[in-house]
C-alpha atoms as a PDB file:
ATOM      1  CA  UNK A   1     -15.924   6.338  -5.319  1.00  0.00           C
ATOM      2  CA  UNK A   2     -18.565   5.273  -3.176  1.00  0.00           C
ATOM      3  CA  UNK A   3     -18.088   1.291  -3.859  1.00  0.00           C
ATOM      4  CA  UNK A   4     -13.804   2.042  -3.557  1.00  0.00           C
ATOM      5  CA  UNK A   5     -14.748   3.192   0.158  1.00  0.00           C
ATOM      6  CA  UNK A   6     -16.825   0.347   0.923  1.00  0.00           C
ATOM      7  CA  UNK A   7     -14.980  -2.138  -0.755  1.00  0.00           C
ATOM      8  CA  UNK A   8     -12.002  -0.391   1.929  1.00  0.00           C
ATOM      9  CA  UNK A   9     -14.063  -0.340   4.779  1.00  0.00           C
ATOM     10  CA  UNK A  10     -15.598  -4.297   3.695  1.00  0.00           C
ATOM     11  CA  UNK A  11     -11.540  -5.419   3.903  1.00  0.00           C
ATOM     12  CA  UNK A  12     -10.537  -3.442   7.282  1.00  0.00           C
ATOM     13  CA  UNK A  13     -13.911  -5.210   8.655  1.00  0.00           C
ATOM     14  CA  UNK A  14     -12.471  -8.771   7.389  1.00  0.00           C
ATOM     15  CA  UNK A  15      -8.710  -7.707   9.051  1.00  0.00           C
ATOM     16  CA  UNK A  16     -10.806  -7.208  12.417  1.00  0.00           C
ATOM     17  CA  UNK A  17     -12.722 -10.083  12.245  1.00  0.00           C
ATOM     18  CA  UNK A  18      -9.347 -12.443  11.346  1.00  0.00           C
ATOM     19  CA  UNK A  19      -7.701  -9.948  14.979  1.00  0.00           C
ATOM     20  CA  UNK A  20     -10.862 -10.801  16.738  1.00  0.00           C
ATOM     21  CA  UNK A  21     -10.530 -14.469  15.744  1.00  0.00           C
ATOM     22  CA  UNK A  22      -6.906 -14.487  17.066  1.00  0.00           C
ATOM     23  CA  UNK A  23      -7.446 -12.579  20.466  1.00  0.00           C
ATOM     24  CA  UNK A  24     -10.873 -14.666  21.200  1.00  0.00           C
ATOM     25  CA  UNK A  25     -11.138 -18.310  19.383  1.00  0.00           C
ATOM     26  CA  UNK A  26     -14.768 -19.108  19.166  1.00  0.00           C
ATOM     27  CA  UNK A  27     -16.847 -22.235  19.394  1.00  0.00           C
ATOM     28  CA  UNK A  28     -18.510 -22.831  16.237  1.00  0.00           C
ATOM     29  CA  UNK A  29     -22.522 -23.202  18.216  1.00  0.00           C
ATOM     30  CA  UNK A  30     -24.228 -25.894  17.167  1.00  0.00           C
ATOM     31  CA  UNK A  31     -27.233 -25.498  14.843  1.00  0.00           C
ATOM     32  CA  UNK A  32     -31.106 -25.754  15.394  1.00  0.00           C
ATOM     33  CA  UNK A  33     -33.056 -25.357  18.853  1.00  0.00           C
ATOM     34  CA  UNK A  34     -31.704 -25.366  21.690  1.00  0.00           C
ATOM     35  CA  UNK A  35     -33.090 -29.178  24.541  1.00  0.00           C
ATOM     36  CA  UNK A  36     -35.820 -27.439  27.031  1.00  0.00           C
ATOM     37  CA  UNK A  37     -37.469 -29.534  30.211  1.00  0.00           C
ATOM     38  CA  UNK A  38     -40.279 -27.055  29.216  1.00  0.00           C
ATOM     39  CA  UNK A  39     -43.512 -28.721  27.039  1.00  0.00           C
ATOM     40  CA  UNK A  40     -44.377 -25.626  25.437  1.00  0.00           C
ATOM     41  CA  UNK A  41     -41.297 -24.805  23.947  1.00  0.00           C
ATOM     42  CA  UNK A  42     -41.189 -28.466  21.960  1.00  0.00           C
ATOM     43  CA  UNK A  43     -43.788 -28.004  20.146  1.00  0.00           C
ATOM     44  CA  UNK A  44     -43.359 -25.776  16.636  1.00  0.00           C
ATOM     45  CA  UNK A  45     -39.261 -25.869  16.625  1.00  0.00           C
ATOM     46  CA  UNK A  46     -37.829 -24.813  13.534  1.00  0.00           C
ATOM     47  CA  UNK A  47     -35.326 -26.364  11.392  1.00  0.00           C
ATOM     48  CA  UNK A  48     -33.535 -24.038   8.913  1.00  0.00           C
ATOM     49  CA  UNK A  49     -31.293 -26.730   6.579  1.00  0.00           C
ATOM     50  CA  UNK A  50     -29.246 -25.465   3.804  1.00  0.00           C
ATOM     51  CA  UNK A  51     -27.806 -27.366   1.524  1.00  0.00           C
ATOM     52  CA  UNK A  52     -25.332 -25.303  -1.277  1.00  0.00           C
ATOM     53  CA  UNK A  53     -26.229 -26.940  -4.965  1.00  0.00           C
ATOM     54  CA  UNK A  54     -23.415 -28.293  -6.947  1.00  0.00           C
ATOM     55  CA  UNK A  55     -23.608 -26.169  -9.714  1.00  0.00           C
ATOM     56  CA  UNK A  56     -24.398 -23.009  -9.162  1.00  0.00           C
ATOM     57  CA  UNK A  57     -25.405 -21.924 -12.338  1.00  0.00           C
ATOM     58  CA  UNK A  58     -28.895 -21.211 -13.855  1.00  0.00           C
ATOM     59  CA  UNK A  59     -28.736 -25.128 -14.867  1.00  0.00           C
ATOM     60  CA  UNK A  60     -28.454 -26.405 -11.256  1.00  0.00           C
ATOM     61  CA  UNK A  61     -30.988 -24.585  -9.700  1.00  0.00           C
ATOM     62  CA  UNK A  62     -33.511 -25.477 -12.543  1.00  0.00           C
ATOM     63  CA  UNK A  63     -32.279 -29.319 -11.630  1.00  0.00           C
ATOM     64  CA  UNK A  64     -32.965 -29.089  -8.130  1.00  0.00           C
ATOM     65  CA  UNK A  65     -36.162 -27.620  -8.755  1.00  0.00           C
ATOM     66  CA  UNK A  66     -37.115 -30.476 -11.187  1.00  0.00           C
ATOM     67  CA  UNK A  67     -36.318 -32.534  -8.388  1.00  0.00           C
ATOM     68  CA  UNK A  68     -38.088 -31.333  -5.830  1.00  0.00           C
ATOM     69  CA  UNK A  69     -41.363 -30.626  -7.913  1.00  0.00           C
ATOM     70  CA  UNK A  70     -41.578 -33.960  -9.200  1.00  0.00           C
ATOM     71  CA  UNK A  71     -41.160 -34.895  -5.814  1.00  0.00           C
ATOM     72  CA  UNK A  72     -43.755 -33.052  -3.839  1.00  0.00           C
ATOM     73  CA  UNK A  73     -46.393 -35.623  -4.033  1.00  0.00           C
ATOM     74  CA  UNK A  74     -44.489 -38.287  -2.191  1.00  0.00           C
ATOM     75  CA  UNK A  75     -42.885 -35.374   0.441  1.00  0.00           C
ATOM     76  CA  UNK A  76     -46.011 -34.040   1.477  1.00  0.00           C
ATOM     77  CA  UNK A  77     -47.452 -37.858   1.981  1.00  0.00           C
ATOM     78  CA  UNK A  78     -44.071 -38.847   3.928  1.00  0.00           C
ATOM     79  CA  UNK A  79     -44.381 -35.558   5.956  1.00  0.00           C
ATOM     80  CA  UNK A  80     -48.221 -36.396   6.511  1.00  0.00           C
ATOM     81  CA  UNK A  81     -47.649 -40.026   7.706  1.00  0.00           C
ATOM     82  CA  UNK A  82     -44.660 -37.742   9.828  1.00  0.00           C
ATOM     83  CA  UNK A  83     -47.600 -36.381  12.136  1.00  0.00           C
ATOM     84  CA  UNK A  84     -45.168 -33.925  13.811  1.00  0.00           C
ATOM     85  CA  UNK A  85     -44.696 -31.311  10.960  1.00  0.00           C
ATOM     86  CA  UNK A  86     -46.701 -28.577  11.430  1.00  0.00           C
ATOM     87  CA  UNK A  87     -45.210 -26.748   7.580  1.00  0.00           C
ATOM     88  CA  UNK A  88     -42.474 -26.659   5.723  1.00  0.00           C
ATOM     89  CA  UNK A  89     -41.210 -25.743   1.980  1.00  0.00           C
ATOM     90  CA  UNK A  90     -38.751 -25.562  -0.355  1.00  0.00           C
ATOM     91  CA  UNK A  91     -36.885 -22.853  -1.697  1.00  0.00           C
ATOM     92  CA  UNK A  92     -33.844 -21.689  -3.616  1.00  0.00           C
ATOM     93  CA  UNK A  93     -31.920 -18.617  -2.529  1.00  0.00           C
ATOM     94  CA  UNK A  94     -28.529 -18.136  -4.006  1.00  0.00           C
ATOM     95  CA  UNK A  95     -27.475 -21.297  -5.316  1.00  0.00           C
ATOM     96  CA  UNK A  96     -28.612 -22.767  -2.180  1.00  0.00           C
ATOM     97  CA  UNK A  97     -31.457 -25.122  -1.358  1.00  0.00           C
ATOM     98  CA  UNK A  98     -33.208 -24.516   1.664  1.00  0.00           C
ATOM     99  CA  UNK A  99     -35.917 -26.762   3.660  1.00  0.00           C
ATOM    100  CA  UNK A 100     -37.269 -24.673   6.376  1.00  0.00           C
ATOM    101  CA  UNK A 101     -39.778 -26.762   9.311  1.00  0.00           C
ATOM    102  CA  UNK A 102     -41.756 -26.192  11.951  1.00  0.00           C
ATOM    103  CA  UNK A 103     -42.237 -29.882  13.826  1.00  0.00           C
ATOM    104  CA  UNK A 104     -43.058 -31.211  17.627  1.00  0.00           C
ATOM    105  CA  UNK A 105     -40.584 -32.887  19.937  1.00  0.00           C
ATOM    106  CA  UNK A 106     -36.820 -34.281  19.494  1.00  0.00           C
ATOM    107  CA  UNK A 107     -34.610 -33.322  16.509  1.00  0.00           C
ATOM    108  CA  UNK A 108     -33.371 -36.700  15.954  1.00  0.00           C
ATOM    109  CA  UNK A 109     -36.470 -38.231  16.441  1.00  0.00           C
ATOM    110  CA  UNK A 110     -38.122 -35.888  13.645  1.00  0.00           C
ATOM    111  CA  UNK A 111     -35.283 -36.525  11.252  1.00  0.00           C
ATOM    112  CA  UNK A 112     -35.421 -40.219  11.513  1.00  0.00           C
ATOM    113  CA  UNK A 113     -39.325 -40.908  11.184  1.00  0.00           C
ATOM    114  CA  UNK A 114     -38.723 -38.254   8.243  1.00  0.00           C
ATOM    115  CA  UNK A 115     -35.665 -40.251   6.276  1.00  0.00           C
ATOM    116  CA  UNK A 116     -37.342 -43.788   6.924  1.00  0.00           C
ATOM    117  CA  UNK A 117     -40.417 -42.349   4.970  1.00  0.00           C
ATOM    118  CA  UNK A 118     -38.856 -39.722   2.750  1.00  0.00           C
ATOM    119  CA  UNK A 119     -35.646 -41.777   1.904  1.00  0.00           C
ATOM    120  CA  UNK A 120     -36.564 -42.454  -1.391  1.00  0.00           C
ATOM    121  CA  UNK A 121     -37.693 -39.365  -2.218  1.00  0.00           C
ATOM    122  CA  UNK A 122     -34.769 -37.499  -0.257  1.00  0.00           C
ATOM    123  CA  UNK A 123     -31.849 -39.391  -2.032  1.00  0.00           C
ATOM    124  CA  UNK A 124     -32.320 -37.799  -5.648  1.00  0.00           C
ATOM    125  CA  UNK A 125     -32.503 -33.883  -4.191  1.00  0.00           C
ATOM    126  CA  UNK A 126     -29.309 -34.575  -1.978  1.00  0.00           C
ATOM    127  CA  UNK A 127     -27.371 -35.872  -4.392  1.00  0.00           C
ATOM    128  CA  UNK A 128     -27.586 -32.214  -5.886  1.00  0.00           C
ATOM    129  CA  UNK A 129     -25.860 -30.808  -3.078  1.00  0.00           C
ATOM    130  CA  UNK A 130     -22.080 -30.701  -1.787  1.00  0.00           C
ATOM    131  CA  UNK A 131     -21.293 -33.054   0.085  1.00  0.00           C
ATOM    132  CA  UNK A 132     -23.707 -34.868   0.669  1.00  0.00           C
ATOM    133  CA  UNK A 133     -24.690 -37.850   3.258  1.00  0.00           C
ATOM    134  CA  UNK A 134     -24.160 -40.989   2.214  1.00  0.00           C
ATOM    135  CA  UNK A 135     -26.640 -42.872  -0.144  1.00  0.00           C
ATOM    136  CA  UNK A 136     -28.758 -44.297   0.162  1.00  0.00           C
ATOM    137  CA  UNK A 137     -30.217 -42.102   3.033  1.00  0.00           C
ATOM    138  CA  UNK A 138     -32.726 -44.463   4.766  1.00  0.00           C
ATOM    139  CA  UNK A 139     -30.020 -46.721   4.649  1.00  0.00           C
ATOM    140  CA  UNK A 140     -27.179 -44.427   7.162  1.00  0.00           C
ATOM    141  CA  UNK A 141     -29.730 -42.824   8.768  1.00  0.00           C
ATOM    142  CA  UNK A 142     -27.669 -41.744  12.234  1.00  0.00           C
ATOM    143  CA  UNK A 143     -25.135 -40.465   9.862  1.00  0.00           C
ATOM    144  CA  UNK A 144     -28.017 -38.565   7.899  1.00  0.00           C
ATOM    145  CA  UNK A 145     -29.255 -37.314  11.659  1.00  0.00           C
ATOM    146  CA  UNK A 146     -25.520 -35.637  11.824  1.00  0.00           C
ATOM    147  CA  UNK A 147     -25.172 -34.965   8.152  1.00  0.00           C
ATOM    148  CA  UNK A 148     -28.838 -32.590   8.293  1.00  0.00           C
ATOM    149  CA  UNK A 149     -27.655 -31.133  12.549  1.00  0.00           C
ATOM    150  CA  UNK A 150     -24.506 -29.669  10.422  1.00  0.00           C
ATOM    151  CA  UNK A 151     -26.354 -27.653   7.824  1.00  0.00           C
ATOM    152  CA  UNK A 152     -28.905 -27.042  10.508  1.00  0.00           C
ATOM    153  CA  UNK A 153     -28.975 -22.662  10.998  1.00  0.00           C
ATOM    154  CA  UNK A 154     -27.254 -21.550  13.742  1.00  0.00           C
ATOM    155  CA  UNK A 155     -30.489 -20.054  16.253  1.00  0.00           C
ATOM    156  CA  UNK A 156     -30.004 -17.051  17.923  1.00  0.00           C
ATOM    157  CA  UNK A 157     -32.846 -17.069  21.324  1.00  0.00           C
ATOM    158  CA  UNK A 158     -36.518 -15.896  20.189  1.00  0.00           C
ATOM    159  CA  UNK A 159     -36.767 -14.278  23.606  1.00  0.00           C
ATOM    160  CA  UNK A 160     -33.907 -11.612  23.450  1.00  0.00           C
ATOM    161  CA  UNK A 161     -33.829 -11.298  27.519  1.00  0.00           C
ATOM    162  CA  UNK A 162     -32.583 -15.158  27.045  1.00  0.00           C
ATOM    163  CA  UNK A 163     -30.033 -13.903  24.484  1.00  0.00           C
ATOM    164  CA  UNK A 164     -27.006 -12.847  26.890  1.00  0.00           C
ATOM    165  CA  UNK A 165     -27.627 -16.594  28.956  1.00  0.00           C
ATOM    166  CA  UNK A 166     -27.924 -18.718  25.706  1.00  0.00           C
ATOM    167  CA  UNK A 167     -25.753 -16.934  22.956  1.00  0.00           C
ATOM    168  CA  UNK A 168     -22.857 -15.413  25.147  1.00  0.00           C
ATOM    169  CA  UNK A 169     -23.028 -17.191  28.419  1.00  0.00           C
ATOM    170  CA  UNK A 170     -19.532 -16.341  29.315  1.00  0.00           C
ATOM    171  CA  UNK A 171     -19.548 -12.804  29.183  1.00  0.00           C
ATOM    172  CA  UNK A 172     -20.944 -10.209  31.935  1.00  0.00           C
ATOM    173  CA  UNK A 173     -20.047  -7.129  29.589  1.00  0.00           C
ATOM    174  CA  UNK A 174     -23.069  -6.733  27.285  1.00  0.00           C
ATOM    175  CA  UNK A 175     -21.068  -4.156  25.741  1.00  0.00           C
ATOM    176  CA  UNK A 176     -18.763  -7.588  24.131  1.00  0.00           C
ATOM    177  CA  UNK A 177     -21.939  -8.627  22.875  1.00  0.00           C
ATOM    178  CA  UNK A 178     -21.369  -8.031  19.675  1.00  0.00           C
ATOM    179  CA  UNK A 179     -17.993  -9.060  18.762  1.00  0.00           C
ATOM    180  CA  UNK A 180     -19.074 -12.205  20.217  1.00  0.00           C
ATOM    181  CA  UNK A 181     -22.123 -11.961  17.955  1.00  0.00           C
ATOM    182  CA  UNK A 182     -19.706 -11.016  15.004  1.00  0.00           C
ATOM    183  CA  UNK A 183     -17.308 -13.862  15.444  1.00  0.00           C
ATOM    184  CA  UNK A 184     -20.275 -16.107  15.745  1.00  0.00           C
ATOM    185  CA  UNK A 185     -21.934 -15.159  12.623  1.00  0.00           C
ATOM    186  CA  UNK A 186     -17.950 -15.271  10.549  1.00  0.00           C
ATOM    187  CA  UNK A 187     -18.179 -19.434  11.655  1.00  0.00           C
ATOM    188  CA  UNK A 188     -22.069 -19.597  10.937  1.00  0.00           C
ATOM    189  CA  UNK A 189     -23.300 -17.265   8.286  1.00  0.00           C
ATOM    190  CA  UNK A 190     -26.957 -18.880   8.180  1.00  0.00           C
ATOM    191  CA  UNK A 191     -28.377 -17.476  11.432  1.00  0.00           C
ATOM    192  CA  UNK A 192     -31.869 -17.999  12.450  1.00  0.00           C
ATOM    193  CA  UNK A 193     -33.171 -14.251  13.970  1.00  0.00           C
ATOM    194  CA  UNK A 194     -37.018 -15.029  15.316  1.00  0.00           C
ATOM    195  CA  UNK A 195     -39.839 -17.648  14.452  1.00  0.00           C
ATOM    196  CA  UNK A 196     -42.955 -16.219  15.179  1.00  0.00           C
ATOM    197  CA  UNK A 197     -45.591 -18.638  15.588  1.00  0.00           C
ATOM    198  CA  UNK A 198     -49.691 -17.617  15.487  1.00  0.00           C
ATOM    199  CA  UNK A 199     -50.757 -20.129  18.143  1.00  0.00           C
ATOM    200  CA  UNK A 200     -47.229 -21.077  20.813  1.00  0.00           C
ATOM    201  CA  UNK A 201     -47.388 -24.002  22.524  1.00  0.00           C
ATOM    202  CA  UNK A 202     -49.864 -26.267  20.368  1.00  0.00           C
ATOM    203  CA  UNK A 203     -49.546 -29.257  18.952  1.00  0.00           C
ATOM    204  CA  UNK A 204     -49.751 -30.878  15.235  1.00  0.00           C
ATOM    205  CA  UNK A 205     -51.866 -33.212  16.656  1.00  0.00           C
ATOM    206  CA  UNK A 206     -53.675 -30.670  18.197  1.00  0.00           C
ATOM    207  CA  UNK A 207     -54.443 -28.304  16.069  1.00  0.00           C
ATOM    208  CA  UNK A 208     -55.694 -31.069  13.930  1.00  0.00           C
ATOM    209  CA  UNK A 209     -57.856 -32.524  16.078  1.00  0.00           C
ATOM    210  CA  UNK A 210     -59.435 -28.753  17.124  1.00  0.00           C
ATOM    211  CA  UNK A 211     -60.063 -28.308  13.764  1.00  0.00           C
ATOM    212  CA  UNK A 212     -61.822 -32.064  12.147  1.00  0.00           C
ATOM    213  CA  UNK A 213     -58.405 -32.454  10.506  1.00  0.00           C
ATOM    214  CA  UNK A 214     -58.001 -35.942   9.537  1.00  0.00           C
ATOM    215  CA  UNK A 215     -55.137 -38.131   8.966  1.00  0.00           C
END
């Protein structure tokens, strides 16, 4: 009985979301971090790249694990050469290959440096995902940057005090925020809810210099 009730509730919620979407058309918020003039806001920025696998079986996941695993030495060396990446990791979740990273500076510059350094290694990875970018990636840099931007998860502001200004700038009544978020997350199923930084405001170069770690 509880499963039937739960299914009925979800059906009614889907109908409600469709009604809200019709009454309040919502533009898809872009992924990635917001632009900021504050220097400390432009370090340790986050990227959450979500890439649905073409093959959604265990074989497809194993193929992705093999391709990424066989390229890790080249990927790690390339990320060192980019010089603005604090951390990066690849994960498979629910038939999605994910690349999460913390980086410094401009998103476009980061992805441009990344793909010019790692293009050959990344070609094999993106060939396994749905709607891949033009290959080889390093010969279609602008297209690759746009491809990543479209798949970079929607980010809610880290500072709750700015959420109403950034997430719902046209709303005056906070009671309407929940509806806006529902509609936005209906269009953006992947979302970053928050990102903790143990040493906020410090770049990769500053951290490595302080620790005496070379390149």
